[in-house]
């Protein structure tokens, strides 16, 4: 079973949705048969790498809300995050551009470190208040994910490196008409939109598994009635001999 996840590293519901999916997978008996692949999605491709605005100010400006309204909204999101063991530090978050982070994640995938760096990038932004658009910061995260620092910096400093991989993910998202994240596609057949409850992911996993691995259906080749030639519940009926 393959689950493709479109997400962005500055999307709070992407982190929450990822945690809920992982919670469902931890309870799924066939977890080892499930592959999770992360796909790139930029919520704001035009966002600067360095912003003097706080996350509250940035969102207030973007959505035409007051700072207090945004703070209340962020508090509600933070409470949701806490239910799956995540800590969101909204007051110190650093709004940024995530294109370089996505390029780095694509490089990490070639080194079998995609899952590790995805978690590290999300944690760095939401909990440690790191600027995940800064190249040196990204190099630090790469090292923490098990990657070589010099090699990672070389990738980051080459603006073309893995850029096409990111663009391909975004192009596929457009084909699927994905306009918001997180967005999950299971076996290129079923879609789950948003940070759904853990139970939703659990039910989807079970449904797809049963569909892909149906119980065998036997064709009965018996030539006489089973009642005349079998034992049931410890009782055997011996058919009378016909003259």
C-alpha atoms as a PDB file:
ATOM      1  CA  UNK A   1       0.000   0.000   0.000  1.00  0.00           C
ATOM      2  CA  UNK A   2       1.360   3.429  -0.915  1.00  0.00           C
ATOM      3  CA  UNK A   3       0.321   6.730   0.647  1.00  0.00           C
ATOM      4  CA  UNK A   4       1.403   9.952  -1.064  1.00  0.00           C
ATOM      5  CA  UNK A   5       1.256  13.048   1.133  1.00  0.00           C
ATOM      6  CA  UNK A   6       1.271  16.570  -0.278  1.00  0.00           C
ATOM      7  CA  UNK A   7       2.325  19.026   2.419  1.00  0.00           C
ATOM      8  CA  UNK A   8       4.325  22.139   3.256  1.00  0.00           C
ATOM      9  CA  UNK A   9       6.770  22.615   6.110  1.00  0.00           C
ATOM     10  CA  UNK A  10       5.024  25.756   7.410  1.00  0.00           C
ATOM     11  CA  UNK A  11       1.542  24.222   7.358  1.00  0.00           C
ATOM     12  CA  UNK A  12       0.354  23.449  10.913  1.00  0.00           C
ATOM     13  CA  UNK A  13      -2.321  21.017   9.792  1.00  0.00           C
ATOM     14  CA  UNK A  14       0.274  19.148   7.715  1.00  0.00           C
ATOM     15  CA  UNK A  15       2.213  18.403  10.900  1.00  0.00           C
ATOM     16  CA  UNK A  16      -0.955  17.452  12.765  1.00  0.00           C
ATOM     17  CA  UNK A  17      -2.185  15.292   9.877  1.00  0.00           C
ATOM     18  CA  UNK A  18       1.176  13.547   9.645  1.00  0.00           C
ATOM     19  CA  UNK A  19       1.067  12.761  13.370  1.00  0.00           C
ATOM     20  CA  UNK A  20      -2.468  11.377  13.108  1.00  0.00           C
ATOM     21  CA  UNK A  21      -1.563   9.221  10.126  1.00  0.00           C
ATOM     22  CA  UNK A  22       1.435   7.866  12.029  1.00  0.00           C
ATOM     23  CA  UNK A  23      -0.775   7.178  15.034  1.00  0.00           C
ATOM     24  CA  UNK A  24      -3.158   5.180  12.830  1.00  0.00           C
ATOM     25  CA  UNK A  25      -0.237   3.328  11.243  1.00  0.00           C
ATOM     26  CA  UNK A  26       1.162   2.387  14.659  1.00  0.00           C
ATOM     27  CA  UNK A  27      -2.090   0.504  15.322  1.00  0.00           C
ATOM     28  CA  UNK A  28      -2.300  -1.044  11.846  1.00  0.00           C
ATOM     29  CA  UNK A  29      -1.252  -4.737  11.808  1.00  0.00           C
ATOM     30  CA  UNK A  30       0.143  -4.459   8.276  1.00  0.00           C
ATOM     31  CA  UNK A  31       2.259  -1.340   8.904  1.00  0.00           C
ATOM     32  CA  UNK A  32       5.342  -2.904   7.327  1.00  0.00           C
ATOM     33  CA  UNK A  33       3.481  -3.182   4.036  1.00  0.00           C
ATOM     34  CA  UNK A  34       2.711   0.543   3.873  1.00  0.00           C
ATOM     35  CA  UNK A  35       4.962   3.034   2.088  1.00  0.00           C
ATOM     36  CA  UNK A  36       4.566   6.753   2.861  1.00  0.00           C
ATOM     37  CA  UNK A  37       5.977   9.221   0.345  1.00  0.00           C
ATOM     38  CA  UNK A  38       5.978  12.991   0.873  1.00  0.00           C
ATOM     39  CA  UNK A  39       5.245  15.382  -1.978  1.00  0.00           C
ATOM     40  CA  UNK A  40       6.128  19.070  -2.234  1.00  0.00           C
ATOM     41  CA  UNK A  41       3.514  21.798  -1.977  1.00  0.00           C
ATOM     42  CA  UNK A  42       4.208  25.505  -1.399  1.00  0.00           C
ATOM     43  CA  UNK A  43       1.431  27.371   0.357  1.00  0.00           C
ATOM     44  CA  UNK A  44       2.994  30.722  -0.567  1.00  0.00           C
ATOM     45  CA  UNK A  45       5.661  30.489  -3.285  1.00  0.00           C
ATOM     46  CA  UNK A  46       6.136  34.276  -3.138  1.00  0.00           C
ATOM     47  CA  UNK A  47       6.902  34.398   0.558  1.00  0.00           C
ATOM     48  CA  UNK A  48      10.328  35.933   1.372  1.00  0.00           C
ATOM     49  CA  UNK A  49      13.006  33.816   3.031  1.00  0.00           C
ATOM     50  CA  UNK A  50      13.364  36.399   5.779  1.00  0.00           C
ATOM     51  CA  UNK A  51      10.434  38.365   7.147  1.00  0.00           C
ATOM     52  CA  UNK A  52      10.364  41.000   9.855  1.00  0.00           C
ATOM     53  CA  UNK A  53       6.742  40.116  10.606  1.00  0.00           C
ATOM     54  CA  UNK A  54       5.699  37.635  13.267  1.00  0.00           C
ATOM     55  CA  UNK A  55       3.499  34.733  12.232  1.00  0.00           C
ATOM     56  CA  UNK A  56       0.560  36.538  13.865  1.00  0.00           C
ATOM     57  CA  UNK A  57       1.220  39.704  11.851  1.00  0.00           C
ATOM     58  CA  UNK A  58       1.797  37.761   8.651  1.00  0.00           C
ATOM     59  CA  UNK A  59      -1.487  35.857   8.917  1.00  0.00           C
ATOM     60  CA  UNK A  60      -3.425  38.947   9.996  1.00  0.00           C
ATOM     61  CA  UNK A  61      -2.227  40.770   6.896  1.00  0.00           C
ATOM     62  CA  UNK A  62      -2.913  37.792   4.629  1.00  0.00           C
ATOM     63  CA  UNK A  63      -6.463  37.112   5.850  1.00  0.00           C
ATOM     64  CA  UNK A  64      -7.538  40.636   6.827  1.00  0.00           C
ATOM     65  CA  UNK A  65      -7.935  39.707  10.496  1.00  0.00           C
ATOM     66  CA  UNK A  66      -6.926  41.432  13.698  1.00  0.00           C
ATOM     67  CA  UNK A  67      -3.858  40.281  15.610  1.00  0.00           C
ATOM     68  CA  UNK A  68      -6.059  39.102  18.471  1.00  0.00           C
ATOM     69  CA  UNK A  69      -8.230  37.067  16.112  1.00  0.00           C
ATOM     70  CA  UNK A  70      -5.162  35.417  14.631  1.00  0.00           C
ATOM     71  CA  UNK A  71      -3.724  34.684  18.067  1.00  0.00           C
ATOM     72  CA  UNK A  72      -6.971  32.982  19.078  1.00  0.00           C
ATOM     73  CA  UNK A  73      -6.987  30.985  15.852  1.00  0.00           C
ATOM     74  CA  UNK A  74      -3.386  29.914  16.396  1.00  0.00           C
ATOM     75  CA  UNK A  75      -4.139  28.962  19.987  1.00  0.00           C
ATOM     76  CA  UNK A  76      -6.918  26.681  18.775  1.00  0.00           C
ATOM     77  CA  UNK A  77      -4.567  25.052  16.276  1.00  0.00           C
ATOM     78  CA  UNK A  78      -1.947  24.643  18.989  1.00  0.00           C
ATOM     79  CA  UNK A  79      -4.473  22.869  21.190  1.00  0.00           C
ATOM     80  CA  UNK A  80      -5.216  20.444  18.364  1.00  0.00           C
ATOM     81  CA  UNK A  81      -1.494  19.825  17.943  1.00  0.00           C
ATOM     82  CA  UNK A  82      -1.142  19.060  21.637  1.00  0.00           C
ATOM     83  CA  UNK A  83      -3.662  16.209  21.348  1.00  0.00           C
ATOM     84  CA  UNK A  84      -1.141  14.309  19.191  1.00  0.00           C
ATOM     85  CA  UNK A  85       1.887  15.223  21.274  1.00  0.00           C
ATOM     86  CA  UNK A  86       3.089  18.233  19.283  1.00  0.00           C
ATOM     87  CA  UNK A  87       4.152  21.602  20.672  1.00  0.00           C
ATOM     88  CA  UNK A  88       3.596  24.668  18.492  1.00  0.00           C
ATOM     89  CA  UNK A  89       5.492  27.823  19.458  1.00  0.00           C
ATOM     90  CA  UNK A  90       3.502  30.380  17.456  1.00  0.00           C
ATOM     91  CA  UNK A  91       4.875  33.446  19.223  1.00  0.00           C
ATOM     92  CA  UNK A  92       8.390  32.784  17.925  1.00  0.00           C
ATOM     93  CA  UNK A  93       7.724  31.176  14.543  1.00  0.00           C
ATOM     94  CA  UNK A  94       9.618  32.684  11.616  1.00  0.00           C
ATOM     95  CA  UNK A  95       7.563  32.999   8.408  1.00  0.00           C
ATOM     96  CA  UNK A  96       9.678  32.020   5.411  1.00  0.00           C
ATOM     97  CA  UNK A  97       9.844  30.583   1.919  1.00  0.00           C
ATOM     98  CA  UNK A  98       9.961  26.788   1.809  1.00  0.00           C
ATOM     99  CA  UNK A  99      11.246  26.094  -1.711  1.00  0.00           C
ATOM    100  CA  UNK A 100      14.804  25.368  -0.551  1.00  0.00           C
ATOM    101  CA  UNK A 101      13.486  23.137   2.228  1.00  0.00           C
ATOM    102  CA  UNK A 102      11.554  21.134  -0.348  1.00  0.00           C
ATOM    103  CA  UNK A 103      14.653  20.850  -2.547  1.00  0.00           C
ATOM    104  CA  UNK A 104      16.634  19.595   0.434  1.00  0.00           C
ATOM    105  CA  UNK A 105      13.923  17.034   1.199  1.00  0.00           C
ATOM    106  CA  UNK A 106      14.170  15.740  -2.373  1.00  0.00           C
ATOM    107  CA  UNK A 107      17.923  15.337  -1.950  1.00  0.00           C
ATOM    108  CA  UNK A 108      17.317  13.566   1.376  1.00  0.00           C
ATOM    109  CA  UNK A 109      15.005  11.138  -0.400  1.00  0.00           C
ATOM    110  CA  UNK A 110      17.882   9.995  -2.604  1.00  0.00           C
ATOM    111  CA  UNK A 111      19.785   9.207   0.602  1.00  0.00           C
ATOM    112  CA  UNK A 112      16.853   7.310   2.182  1.00  0.00           C
ATOM    113  CA  UNK A 113      16.360  10.119   4.713  1.00  0.00           C
ATOM    114  CA  UNK A 114      13.038  11.556   3.517  1.00  0.00           C
ATOM    115  CA  UNK A 115      11.021  10.565   6.590  1.00  0.00           C
ATOM    116  CA  UNK A 116      13.719  11.803   8.963  1.00  0.00           C
ATOM    117  CA  UNK A 117      14.182  15.210   7.376  1.00  0.00           C
ATOM    118  CA  UNK A 118      10.439  15.767   6.958  1.00  0.00           C
ATOM    119  CA  UNK A 119       9.995  15.362  10.712  1.00  0.00           C
ATOM    120  CA  UNK A 120      13.076  17.464  11.494  1.00  0.00           C
ATOM    121  CA  UNK A 121      11.954  20.331   9.253  1.00  0.00           C
ATOM    122  CA  UNK A 122       8.460  20.424  10.733  1.00  0.00           C
ATOM    123  CA  UNK A 123       9.810  20.252  14.277  1.00  0.00           C
ATOM    124  CA  UNK A 124      12.387  22.956  13.535  1.00  0.00           C
ATOM    125  CA  UNK A 125       9.728  25.364  12.289  1.00  0.00           C
ATOM    126  CA  UNK A 126       6.846  24.723  14.666  1.00  0.00           C
ATOM    127  CA  UNK A 127       8.623  23.833  17.897  1.00  0.00           C
ATOM    128  CA  UNK A 128      12.178  25.208  17.720  1.00  0.00           C
ATOM    129  CA  UNK A 129      11.225  28.398  15.844  1.00  0.00           C
ATOM    130  CA  UNK A 130      13.949  27.966  13.227  1.00  0.00           C
ATOM    131  CA  UNK A 131      13.985  29.754   9.894  1.00  0.00           C
ATOM    132  CA  UNK A 132      13.663  26.802   7.523  1.00  0.00           C
ATOM    133  CA  UNK A 133      14.330  29.103   4.577  1.00  0.00           C
ATOM    134  CA  UNK A 134      17.871  29.905   5.736  1.00  0.00           C
ATOM    135  CA  UNK A 135      20.538  27.777   4.039  1.00  0.00           C
ATOM    136  CA  UNK A 136      22.803  27.394   7.062  1.00  0.00           C
ATOM    137  CA  UNK A 137      19.845  26.421   9.220  1.00  0.00           C
ATOM    138  CA  UNK A 138      18.771  23.897   6.599  1.00  0.00           C
ATOM    139  CA  UNK A 139      22.299  22.461   6.554  1.00  0.00           C
ATOM    140  CA  UNK A 140      22.088  22.008  10.337  1.00  0.00           C
ATOM    141  CA  UNK A 141      18.771  20.195   9.936  1.00  0.00           C
ATOM    142  CA  UNK A 142      20.309  18.037   7.216  1.00  0.00           C
ATOM    143  CA  UNK A 143      23.073  16.937   9.576  1.00  0.00           C
ATOM    144  CA  UNK A 144      20.525  16.189  12.315  1.00  0.00           C
ATOM    145  CA  UNK A 145      18.725  13.995   9.765  1.00  0.00           C
ATOM    146  CA  UNK A 146      21.822  11.954   9.018  1.00  0.00           C
ATOM    147  CA  UNK A 147      23.019  13.794   5.904  1.00  0.00           C
ATOM    148  CA  UNK A 148      26.460  15.169   5.094  1.00  0.00           C
ATOM    149  CA  UNK A 149      26.645  18.921   5.742  1.00  0.00           C
ATOM    150  CA  UNK A 150      28.957  19.867   2.870  1.00  0.00           C
ATOM    151  CA  UNK A 151      27.010  17.820   0.363  1.00  0.00           C
ATOM    152  CA  UNK A 152      23.724  19.275   1.609  1.00  0.00           C
ATOM    153  CA  UNK A 153      25.067  22.844   1.400  1.00  0.00           C
ATOM    154  CA  UNK A 154      26.273  22.182  -2.120  1.00  0.00           C
ATOM    155  CA  UNK A 155      22.744  21.131  -3.087  1.00  0.00           C
ATOM    156  CA  UNK A 156      21.196  24.146  -1.366  1.00  0.00           C
ATOM    157  CA  UNK A 157      23.580  26.621  -2.982  1.00  0.00           C
ATOM    158  CA  UNK A 158      22.740  25.290  -6.444  1.00  0.00           C
ATOM    159  CA  UNK A 159      19.320  26.800  -7.097  1.00  0.00           C
ATOM    160  CA  UNK A 160      18.629  24.288  -9.855  1.00  0.00           C
ATOM    161  CA  UNK A 161      19.406  21.196  -7.780  1.00  0.00           C
ATOM    162  CA  UNK A 162      16.232  19.147  -7.264  1.00  0.00           C
ATOM    163  CA  UNK A 163      14.124  22.152  -8.268  1.00  0.00           C
ATOM    164  CA  UNK A 164      12.503  20.152 -11.057  1.00  0.00           C
ATOM    165  CA  UNK A 165      11.570  17.388  -8.610  1.00  0.00           C
ATOM    166  CA  UNK A 166       9.687  19.931  -6.521  1.00  0.00           C
ATOM    167  CA  UNK A 167       7.976  21.380  -9.576  1.00  0.00           C
ATOM    168  CA  UNK A 168       6.882  17.935 -10.736  1.00  0.00           C
ATOM    169  CA  UNK A 169       5.128  17.338  -7.392  1.00  0.00           C
ATOM    170  CA  UNK A 170       3.393  20.668  -7.721  1.00  0.00           C
ATOM    171  CA  UNK A 171       2.347  19.890 -11.285  1.00  0.00           C
ATOM    172  CA  UNK A 172       0.848  16.566 -10.204  1.00  0.00           C
ATOM    173  CA  UNK A 173      -0.999  18.392  -7.423  1.00  0.00           C
ATOM    174  CA  UNK A 174      -2.551  20.656 -10.040  1.00  0.00           C
ATOM    175  CA  UNK A 175      -3.611  17.631 -12.088  1.00  0.00           C
ATOM    176  CA  UNK A 176      -5.314  16.206  -9.008  1.00  0.00           C
ATOM    177  CA  UNK A 177      -6.815  19.664  -8.362  1.00  0.00           C
ATOM    178  CA  UNK A 178      -5.214  19.812  -4.928  1.00  0.00           C
ATOM    179  CA  UNK A 179      -5.649  23.339  -3.597  1.00  0.00           C
ATOM    180  CA  UNK A 180      -5.008  22.756   0.106  1.00  0.00           C
ATOM    181  CA  UNK A 181      -2.774  20.592   2.257  1.00  0.00           C
ATOM    182  CA  UNK A 182      -2.305  18.154   3.803  1.00  0.00           C
ATOM    183  CA  UNK A 183      -3.686  15.944   1.067  1.00  0.00           C
ATOM    184  CA  UNK A 184      -3.297  12.167   1.116  1.00  0.00           C
ATOM    185  CA  UNK A 185      -3.709   9.801  -1.828  1.00  0.00           C
ATOM    186  CA  UNK A 186      -3.807   6.062  -1.128  1.00  0.00           C
ATOM    187  CA  UNK A 187      -2.835   3.708  -3.954  1.00  0.00           C
ATOM    188  CA  UNK A 188      -3.651   6.491  -6.439  1.00  0.00           C
ATOM    189  CA  UNK A 189      -7.299   5.673  -5.833  1.00  0.00           C
ATOM    190  CA  UNK A 190      -8.540   7.142  -2.545  1.00  0.00           C
ATOM    191  CA  UNK A 191      -8.120  10.707  -1.295  1.00  0.00           C
ATOM    192  CA  UNK A 192      -8.123  12.085   2.231  1.00  0.00           C
ATOM    193  CA  UNK A 193      -8.148  15.861   2.530  1.00  0.00           C
ATOM    194  CA  UNK A 194      -6.985  17.702   5.629  1.00  0.00           C
ATOM    195  CA  UNK A 195      -5.813  16.635   9.074  1.00  0.00           C
ATOM    196  CA  UNK A 196      -8.608  14.128   9.577  1.00  0.00           C
ATOM    197  CA  UNK A 197      -9.114  12.292  12.899  1.00  0.00           C
ATOM    198  CA  UNK A 198      -6.884   9.294  13.538  1.00  0.00           C
ATOM    199  CA  UNK A 199      -9.933   7.040  13.217  1.00  0.00           C
ATOM    200  CA  UNK A 200     -10.474   8.233   9.638  1.00  0.00           C
ATOM    201  CA  UNK A 201      -6.960   7.203   8.681  1.00  0.00           C
ATOM    202  CA  UNK A 202      -7.351   3.883  10.492  1.00  0.00           C
ATOM    203  CA  UNK A 203     -10.588   3.103   8.660  1.00  0.00           C
ATOM    204  CA  UNK A 204      -9.037   4.058   5.323  1.00  0.00           C
ATOM    205  CA  UNK A 205      -6.040   1.800   5.907  1.00  0.00           C
ATOM    206  CA  UNK A 206      -8.292  -1.137   6.739  1.00  0.00           C
ATOM    207  CA  UNK A 207     -10.619  -0.499   3.781  1.00  0.00           C
ATOM    208  CA  UNK A 208      -7.800  -0.328   1.253  1.00  0.00           C
ATOM    209  CA  UNK A 209      -6.035  -3.354   2.729  1.00  0.00           C
ATOM    210  CA  UNK A 210      -9.176  -5.484   2.533  1.00  0.00           C
ATOM    211  CA  UNK A 211      -9.796  -4.337  -1.016  1.00  0.00           C
ATOM    212  CA  UNK A 212      -6.253  -5.098  -2.127  1.00  0.00           C
ATOM    213  CA  UNK A 213      -6.068  -8.361  -0.175  1.00  0.00           C
ATOM    214  CA  UNK A 214      -9.519  -9.984  -0.422  1.00  0.00           C
ATOM    215  CA  UNK A 215     -10.258 -13.203   1.445  1.00  0.00           C
ATOM    216  CA  UNK A 216     -10.095 -16.224  -0.882  1.00  0.00           C
ATOM    217  CA  UNK A 217     -13.417 -17.399  -2.311  1.00  0.00           C
ATOM    218  CA  UNK A 218     -13.590 -21.149  -2.804  1.00  0.00           C
ATOM    219  CA  UNK A 219     -15.406 -22.832  -5.655  1.00  0.00           C
ATOM    220  CA  UNK A 220     -17.425 -25.807  -4.381  1.00  0.00           C
ATOM    221  CA  UNK A 221     -16.712 -28.938  -6.429  1.00  0.00           C
ATOM    222  CA  UNK A 222     -18.684 -31.329  -4.190  1.00  0.00           C
ATOM    223  CA  UNK A 223     -20.892 -33.847  -6.014  1.00  0.00           C
ATOM    224  CA  UNK A 224     -23.128 -34.884  -3.099  1.00  0.00           C
ATOM    225  CA  UNK A 225     -24.851 -32.919  -0.382  1.00  0.00           C
ATOM    226  CA  UNK A 226     -22.571 -31.932   2.491  1.00  0.00           C
ATOM    227  CA  UNK A 227     -25.311 -33.017   4.910  1.00  0.00           C
ATOM    228  CA  UNK A 228     -24.827 -36.629   3.783  1.00  0.00           C
ATOM    229  CA  UNK A 229     -21.040 -36.675   4.019  1.00  0.00           C
ATOM    230  CA  UNK A 230     -19.799 -34.432   6.830  1.00  0.00           C
ATOM    231  CA  UNK A 231     -19.752 -33.935  10.582  1.00  0.00           C
ATOM    232  CA  UNK A 232     -21.041 -30.723  12.143  1.00  0.00           C
ATOM    233  CA  UNK A 233     -20.703 -29.658  15.786  1.00  0.00           C
ATOM    234  CA  UNK A 234     -19.421 -33.075  16.814  1.00  0.00           C
ATOM    235  CA  UNK A 235     -22.346 -34.932  15.232  1.00  0.00           C
ATOM    236  CA  UNK A 236     -22.087 -37.158  12.208  1.00  0.00           C
ATOM    237  CA  UNK A 237     -25.189 -38.168  10.305  1.00  0.00           C
ATOM    238  CA  UNK A 238     -24.726 -41.487   8.530  1.00  0.00           C
ATOM    239  CA  UNK A 239     -27.023 -41.650   5.530  1.00  0.00           C
ATOM    240  CA  UNK A 240     -29.303 -44.617   5.307  1.00  0.00           C
ATOM    241  CA  UNK A 241     -28.340 -47.238   2.763  1.00  0.00           C
ATOM    242  CA  UNK A 242     -30.672 -47.030  -0.150  1.00  0.00           C
ATOM    243  CA  UNK A 243     -32.068 -50.334  -1.527  1.00  0.00           C
END
